[in-house]
Amino acid sequence: MPEGVPTELPSPLRSAILMLAARCYINYGKATEATSCLDAAAEAMAASPVTAIMADAVRNQRRNLP
């Protein structure tokens, strides 16, 4: 999934899309795909000074996956 989200999008928008995709995967019980999306969202957030602070929150969400 992360490769399907255009990299030219601004980091906050890219990370929001990836987090939404992760939530969908979690709802369908696909932890591997959700983990991949959350990792990519954290990377996108860390790349932007505006959202870098939020990257740790996304990483924590990833750790709490069932």
PDB file of N, CA and C in Angstrom:
ATOM      1  N   MET A   1       0.799  -1.209   0.000  1.00  0.00           N
ATOM      2  CA  MET A   1       0.000   0.000   0.000  1.00  0.00           C
ATOM      3  C   MET A   1       0.839   1.270   0.000  1.00  0.00           C
ATOM      4  N   PRO A   2       1.882   1.389   0.836  1.00  0.00           N
ATOM      5  CA  PRO A   2       2.610   2.654   0.860  1.00  0.00           C
ATOM      6  C   PRO A   2       3.132   3.076  -0.501  1.00  0.00           C
ATOM      7  N   GLU A   3       3.484   2.114  -1.344  1.00  0.00           N
ATOM      8  CA  GLU A   3       3.985   2.509  -2.654  1.00  0.00           C
ATOM      9  C   GLU A   3       2.903   3.083  -3.550  1.00  0.00           C
ATOM     10  N   GLY A   4       1.651   2.883  -3.206  1.00  0.00           N
ATOM     11  CA  GLY A   4       0.552   3.415  -3.990  1.00  0.00           C
ATOM     12  C   GLY A   4       0.229   4.877  -3.697  1.00  0.00           C
ATOM     13  N   VAL A   5       0.811   5.427  -2.643  1.00  0.00           N
ATOM     14  CA  VAL A   5       0.567   6.819  -2.274  1.00  0.00           C
ATOM     15  C   VAL A   5       1.669   7.671  -2.896  1.00  0.00           C
ATOM     16  N   PRO A   6       1.322   8.631  -3.720  1.00  0.00           N
ATOM     17  CA  PRO A   6       2.330   9.425  -4.421  1.00  0.00           C
ATOM     18  C   PRO A   6       3.302  10.126  -3.469  1.00  0.00           C
ATOM     19  N   THR A   7       4.569   9.980  -3.723  1.00  0.00           N
ATOM     20  CA  THR A   7       5.592  10.589  -2.876  1.00  0.00           C
ATOM     21  C   THR A   7       5.669  12.096  -3.053  1.00  0.00           C
ATOM     22  N   GLU A   8       5.118  12.612  -4.150  1.00  0.00           N
ATOM     23  CA  GLU A   8       5.176  14.068  -4.369  1.00  0.00           C
ATOM     24  C   GLU A   8       4.146  14.840  -3.547  1.00  0.00           C
ATOM     25  N   LEU A   9       3.268  14.141  -2.848  1.00  0.00           N
ATOM     26  CA  LEU A   9       2.312  14.811  -1.969  1.00  0.00           C
ATOM     27  C   LEU A   9       3.054  15.436  -0.790  1.00  0.00           C
ATOM     28  N   PRO A  10       2.532  16.530  -0.244  1.00  0.00           N
ATOM     29  CA  PRO A  10       3.143  17.095   0.959  1.00  0.00           C
ATOM     30  C   PRO A  10       3.130  16.058   2.090  1.00  0.00           C
ATOM     31  N   SER A  11       4.154  16.071   2.912  1.00  0.00           N
ATOM     32  CA  SER A  11       4.285  15.071   3.980  1.00  0.00           C
ATOM     33  C   SER A  11       3.052  14.934   4.863  1.00  0.00           C
ATOM     34  N   PRO A  12       2.441  16.035   5.326  1.00  0.00           N
ATOM     35  CA  PRO A  12       1.257  15.868   6.177  1.00  0.00           C
ATOM     36  C   PRO A  12       0.103  15.144   5.466  1.00  0.00           C
ATOM     37  N   LEU A  13      -0.117  15.452   4.209  1.00  0.00           N
ATOM     38  CA  LEU A  13      -1.188  14.804   3.454  1.00  0.00           C
ATOM     39  C   LEU A  13      -0.861  13.332   3.211  1.00  0.00           C
ATOM     40  N   ARG A  14       0.375  13.055   2.830  1.00  0.00           N
ATOM     41  CA  ARG A  14       0.804  11.671   2.604  1.00  0.00           C
ATOM     42  C   ARG A  14       0.639  10.843   3.876  1.00  0.00           C
ATOM     43  N   SER A  15       1.069  11.396   5.002  1.00  0.00           N
ATOM     44  CA  SER A  15       0.964  10.641   6.249  1.00  0.00           C
ATOM     45  C   SER A  15      -0.500  10.428   6.643  1.00  0.00           C
ATOM     46  N   ALA A  16      -1.361  11.404   6.402  1.00  0.00           N
ATOM     47  CA  ALA A  16      -2.784  11.245   6.715  1.00  0.00           C
ATOM     48  C   ALA A  16      -3.405  10.118   5.886  1.00  0.00           C
ATOM     49  N   ILE A  17      -3.058  10.068   4.618  1.00  0.00           N
ATOM     50  CA  ILE A  17      -3.580   9.005   3.749  1.00  0.00           C
ATOM     51  C   ILE A  17      -3.094   7.647   4.232  1.00  0.00           C
ATOM     52  N   LEU A  18      -1.827   7.572   4.588  1.00  0.00           N
ATOM     53  CA  LEU A  18      -1.262   6.306   5.057  1.00  0.00           C
ATOM     54  C   LEU A  18      -1.878   5.864   6.384  1.00  0.00           C
ATOM     55  N   MET A  19      -2.163   6.810   7.265  1.00  0.00           N
ATOM     56  CA  MET A  19      -2.784   6.453   8.537  1.00  0.00           C
ATOM     57  C   MET A  19      -4.218   5.976   8.337  1.00  0.00           C
ATOM     58  N   LEU A  20      -4.921   6.582   7.400  1.00  0.00           N
ATOM     59  CA  LEU A  20      -6.270   6.124   7.085  1.00  0.00           C
ATOM     60  C   LEU A  20      -6.225   4.706   6.496  1.00  0.00           C
ATOM     61  N   ALA A  21      -5.283   4.470   5.620  1.00  0.00           N
ATOM     62  CA  ALA A  21      -5.134   3.127   5.055  1.00  0.00           C
ATOM     63  C   ALA A  21      -4.805   2.123   6.158  1.00  0.00           C
ATOM     64  N   ALA A  22      -3.944   2.508   7.097  1.00  0.00           N
ATOM     65  CA  ALA A  22      -3.599   1.614   8.207  1.00  0.00           C
ATOM     66  C   ALA A  22      -4.840   1.277   9.023  1.00  0.00           C
ATOM     67  N   ARG A  23      -5.681   2.267   9.289  1.00  0.00           N
ATOM     68  CA  ARG A  23      -6.907   2.030  10.061  1.00  0.00           C
ATOM     69  C   ARG A  23      -7.801   1.025   9.332  1.00  0.00           C
ATOM     70  N   CYS A  24      -7.897   1.154   8.019  1.00  0.00           N
ATOM     71  CA  CYS A  24      -8.701   0.211   7.231  1.00  0.00           C
ATOM     72  C   CYS A  24      -8.130  -1.202   7.338  1.00  0.00           C
ATOM     73  N   TYR A  25      -6.816  -1.315   7.225  1.00  0.00           N
ATOM     74  CA  TYR A  25      -6.185  -2.634   7.343  1.00  0.00           C
ATOM     75  C   TYR A  25      -6.407  -3.225   8.731  1.00  0.00           C
ATOM     76  N   ILE A  26      -6.324  -2.398   9.765  1.00  0.00           N
ATOM     77  CA  ILE A  26      -6.556  -2.881  11.128  1.00  0.00           C
ATOM     78  C   ILE A  26      -7.981  -3.416  11.248  1.00  0.00           C
ATOM     79  N   ASN A  27      -8.944  -2.687  10.692  1.00  0.00           N
ATOM     80  CA  ASN A  27     -10.344  -3.118  10.750  1.00  0.00           C
ATOM     81  C   ASN A  27     -10.560  -4.458  10.068  1.00  0.00           C
ATOM     82  N   TYR A  28      -9.756  -4.760   9.051  1.00  0.00           N
ATOM     83  CA  TYR A  28      -9.887  -6.028   8.333  1.00  0.00           C
ATOM     84  C   TYR A  28      -8.919  -7.090   8.838  1.00  0.00           C
ATOM     85  N   GLY A  29      -8.215  -6.794   9.941  1.00  0.00           N
ATOM     86  CA  GLY A  29      -7.332  -7.787  10.551  1.00  0.00           C
ATOM     87  C   GLY A  29      -6.052  -8.041   9.788  1.00  0.00           C
ATOM     88  N   LYS A  30      -5.594  -7.076   9.034  1.00  0.00           N
ATOM     89  CA  LYS A  30      -4.368  -7.245   8.246  1.00  0.00           C
ATOM     90  C   LYS A  30      -3.244  -6.431   8.903  1.00  0.00           C
ATOM     91  N   ALA A  31      -2.656  -7.010   9.954  1.00  0.00           N
ATOM     92  CA  ALA A  31      -1.657  -6.301  10.752  1.00  0.00           C
ATOM     93  C   ALA A  31      -0.385  -5.996   9.961  1.00  0.00           C
ATOM     94  N   THR A  32       0.036  -6.880   9.089  1.00  0.00           N
ATOM     95  CA  THR A  32       1.260  -6.652   8.325  1.00  0.00           C
ATOM     96  C   THR A  32       1.132  -5.422   7.446  1.00  0.00           C
ATOM     97  N   GLU A  33       0.018  -5.305   6.741  1.00  0.00           N
ATOM     98  CA  GLU A  33      -0.207  -4.153   5.884  1.00  0.00           C
ATOM     99  C   GLU A  33      -0.356  -2.873   6.705  1.00  0.00           C
ATOM    100  N   ALA A  34      -1.044  -2.974   7.851  1.00  0.00           N
ATOM    101  CA  ALA A  34      -1.216  -1.815   8.728  1.00  0.00           C
ATOM    102  C   ALA A  34       0.129  -1.335   9.243  1.00  0.00           C
ATOM    103  N   THR A  35       0.981  -2.261   9.640  1.00  0.00           N
ATOM    104  CA  THR A  35       2.321  -1.918  10.123  1.00  0.00           C
ATOM    105  C   THR A  35       3.115  -1.204   9.047  1.00  0.00           C
ATOM    106  N   SER A  36       3.032  -1.697   7.838  1.00  0.00           N
ATOM    107  CA  SER A  36       3.738  -1.085   6.724  1.00  0.00           C
ATOM    108  C   SER A  36       3.264   0.350   6.493  1.00  0.00           C
ATOM    109  N   CYS A  37       1.965   0.554   6.544  1.00  0.00           N
ATOM    110  CA  CYS A  37       1.412   1.899   6.352  1.00  0.00           C
ATOM    111  C   CYS A  37       1.808   2.836   7.486  1.00  0.00           C
ATOM    112  N   LEU A  38       1.776   2.335   8.719  1.00  0.00           N
ATOM    113  CA  LEU A  38       2.143   3.184   9.855  1.00  0.00           C
ATOM    114  C   LEU A  38       3.626   3.545   9.818  1.00  0.00           C
ATOM    115  N   ASP A  39       4.462   2.605   9.408  1.00  0.00           N
ATOM    116  CA  ASP A  39       5.892   2.908   9.268  1.00  0.00           C
ATOM    117  C   ASP A  39       6.112   3.997   8.228  1.00  0.00           C
ATOM    118  N   ALA A  40       5.428   3.872   7.098  1.00  0.00           N
ATOM    119  CA  ALA A  40       5.558   4.865   6.031  1.00  0.00           C
ATOM    120  C   ALA A  40       5.001   6.221   6.475  1.00  0.00           C
ATOM    121  N   ALA A  41       3.911   6.220   7.241  1.00  0.00           N
ATOM    122  CA  ALA A  41       3.340   7.471   7.747  1.00  0.00           C
ATOM    123  C   ALA A  41       4.307   8.158   8.700  1.00  0.00           C
ATOM    124  N   ALA A  42       4.947   7.379   9.568  1.00  0.00           N
ATOM    125  CA  ALA A  42       5.919   7.949  10.501  1.00  0.00           C
ATOM    126  C   ALA A  42       7.100   8.547   9.750  1.00  0.00           C
ATOM    127  N   GLU A  43       7.553   7.866   8.707  1.00  0.00           N
ATOM    128  CA  GLU A  43       8.653   8.395   7.886  1.00  0.00           C
ATOM    129  C   GLU A  43       8.248   9.701   7.217  1.00  0.00           C
ATOM    130  N   ALA A  44       7.033   9.740   6.682  1.00  0.00           N
ATOM    131  CA  ALA A  44       6.558  10.956   6.021  1.00  0.00           C
ATOM    132  C   ALA A  44       6.459  12.109   7.014  1.00  0.00           C
ATOM    133  N   MET A  45       5.989  11.814   8.212  1.00  0.00           N
ATOM    134  CA  MET A  45       5.889  12.862   9.231  1.00  0.00           C
ATOM    135  C   MET A  45       7.261  13.358   9.663  1.00  0.00           C
ATOM    136  N   ALA A  46       8.188  12.441   9.822  1.00  0.00           N
ATOM    137  CA  ALA A  46       9.528  12.815  10.264  1.00  0.00           C
ATOM    138  C   ALA A  46      10.242  13.675   9.226  1.00  0.00           C
ATOM    139  N   ALA A  47       9.848  13.558   7.972  1.00  0.00           N
ATOM    140  CA  ALA A  47      10.494  14.316   6.894  1.00  0.00           C
ATOM    141  C   ALA A  47      10.092  15.784   6.887  1.00  0.00           C
ATOM    142  N   SER A  48       9.020  16.110   7.559  1.00  0.00           N
ATOM    143  CA  SER A  48       8.534  17.490   7.577  1.00  0.00           C
ATOM    144  C   SER A  48       8.735  18.092   8.959  1.00  0.00           C
ATOM    145  N   PRO A  49       9.363  19.257   9.050  1.00  0.00           N
ATOM    146  CA  PRO A  49       9.559  19.866  10.362  1.00  0.00           C
ATOM    147  C   PRO A  49       8.236  20.179  11.076  1.00  0.00           C
ATOM    148  N   VAL A  50       7.200  20.390  10.309  1.00  0.00           N
ATOM    149  CA  VAL A  50       5.896  20.719  10.897  1.00  0.00           C
ATOM    150  C   VAL A  50       5.295  19.511  11.606  1.00  0.00           C
ATOM    151  N   THR A  51       5.472  18.327  11.064  1.00  0.00           N
ATOM    152  CA  THR A  51       4.830  17.135  11.618  1.00  0.00           C
ATOM    153  C   THR A  51       5.801  16.165  12.282  1.00  0.00           C
ATOM    154  N   ALA A  52       7.072  16.499  12.345  1.00  0.00           N
ATOM    155  CA  ALA A  52       8.059  15.587  12.924  1.00  0.00           C
ATOM    156  C   ALA A  52       7.705  15.203  14.357  1.00  0.00           C
ATOM    157  N   ILE A  53       7.114  16.109  15.100  1.00  0.00           N
ATOM    158  CA  ILE A  53       6.741  15.838  16.494  1.00  0.00           C
ATOM    159  C   ILE A  53       5.714  14.707  16.559  1.00  0.00           C
ATOM    160  N   MET A  54       4.854  14.624  15.563  1.00  0.00           N
ATOM    161  CA  MET A  54       3.795  13.621  15.567  1.00  0.00           C
ATOM    162  C   MET A  54       4.281  12.232  15.165  1.00  0.00           C
ATOM    163  N   ALA A  55       5.472  12.125  14.610  1.00  0.00           N
ATOM    164  CA  ALA A  55       5.980  10.835  14.142  1.00  0.00           C
ATOM    165  C   ALA A  55       6.053   9.828  15.288  1.00  0.00           C
ATOM    166  N   ASP A  56       6.451  10.259  16.473  1.00  0.00           N
ATOM    167  CA  ASP A  56       6.522   9.343  17.612  1.00  0.00           C
ATOM    168  C   ASP A  56       5.146   8.811  17.997  1.00  0.00           C
ATOM    169  N   ALA A  57       4.127   9.631  17.877  1.00  0.00           N
ATOM    170  CA  ALA A  57       2.766   9.178  18.187  1.00  0.00           C
ATOM    171  C   ALA A  57       2.340   8.070  17.227  1.00  0.00           C
ATOM    172  N   VAL A  58       2.715   8.197  15.971  1.00  0.00           N
ATOM    173  CA  VAL A  58       2.376   7.160  14.990  1.00  0.00           C
ATOM    174  C   VAL A  58       3.150   5.885  15.292  1.00  0.00           C
ATOM    175  N   ARG A  59       4.407   6.031  15.659  1.00  0.00           N
ATOM    176  CA  ARG A  59       5.202   4.844  16.002  1.00  0.00           C
ATOM    177  C   ARG A  59       4.612   4.134  17.220  1.00  0.00           C
ATOM    178  N   ASN A  60       4.100   4.886  18.181  1.00  0.00           N
ATOM    179  CA  ASN A  60       3.464   4.285  19.354  1.00  0.00           C
ATOM    180  C   ASN A  60       2.194   3.549  18.970  1.00  0.00           C
ATOM    181  N   GLN A  61       1.436   4.101  18.047  1.00  0.00           N
ATOM    182  CA  GLN A  61       0.224   3.438  17.573  1.00  0.00           C
ATOM    183  C   GLN A  61       0.583   2.101  16.929  1.00  0.00           C
ATOM    184  N   ARG A  62       1.666   2.089  16.183  1.00  0.00           N
ATOM    185  CA  ARG A  62       2.115   0.867  15.522  1.00  0.00           C
ATOM    186  C   ARG A  62       2.450  -0.202  16.552  1.00  0.00           C
ATOM    187  N   ARG A  63       3.084   0.183  17.659  1.00  0.00           N
ATOM    188  CA  ARG A  63       3.459  -0.771  18.701  1.00  0.00           C
ATOM    189  C   ARG A  63       2.229  -1.370  19.386  1.00  0.00           C
ATOM    190  N   ASN A  64       1.118  -0.667  19.341  1.00  0.00           N
ATOM    191  CA  ASN A  64      -0.089  -1.132  20.026  1.00  0.00           C
ATOM    192  C   ASN A  64      -0.984  -1.994  19.147  1.00  0.00           C
ATOM    193  N   LEU A  65      -0.520  -2.350  17.968  1.00  0.00           N
ATOM    194  CA  LEU A  65      -1.324  -3.220  17.102  1.00  0.00           C
ATOM    195  C   LEU A  65      -1.479  -4.594  17.736  1.00  0.00           C
ATOM    196  N   PRO A  66      -2.628  -5.216  17.536  1.00  0.00           N
ATOM    197  CA  PRO A  66      -2.842  -6.559  18.106  1.00  0.00           C
ATOM    198  C   PRO A  66      -1.950  -7.594  17.461  1.00  0.00           C
TER     199      PRO A  66
END
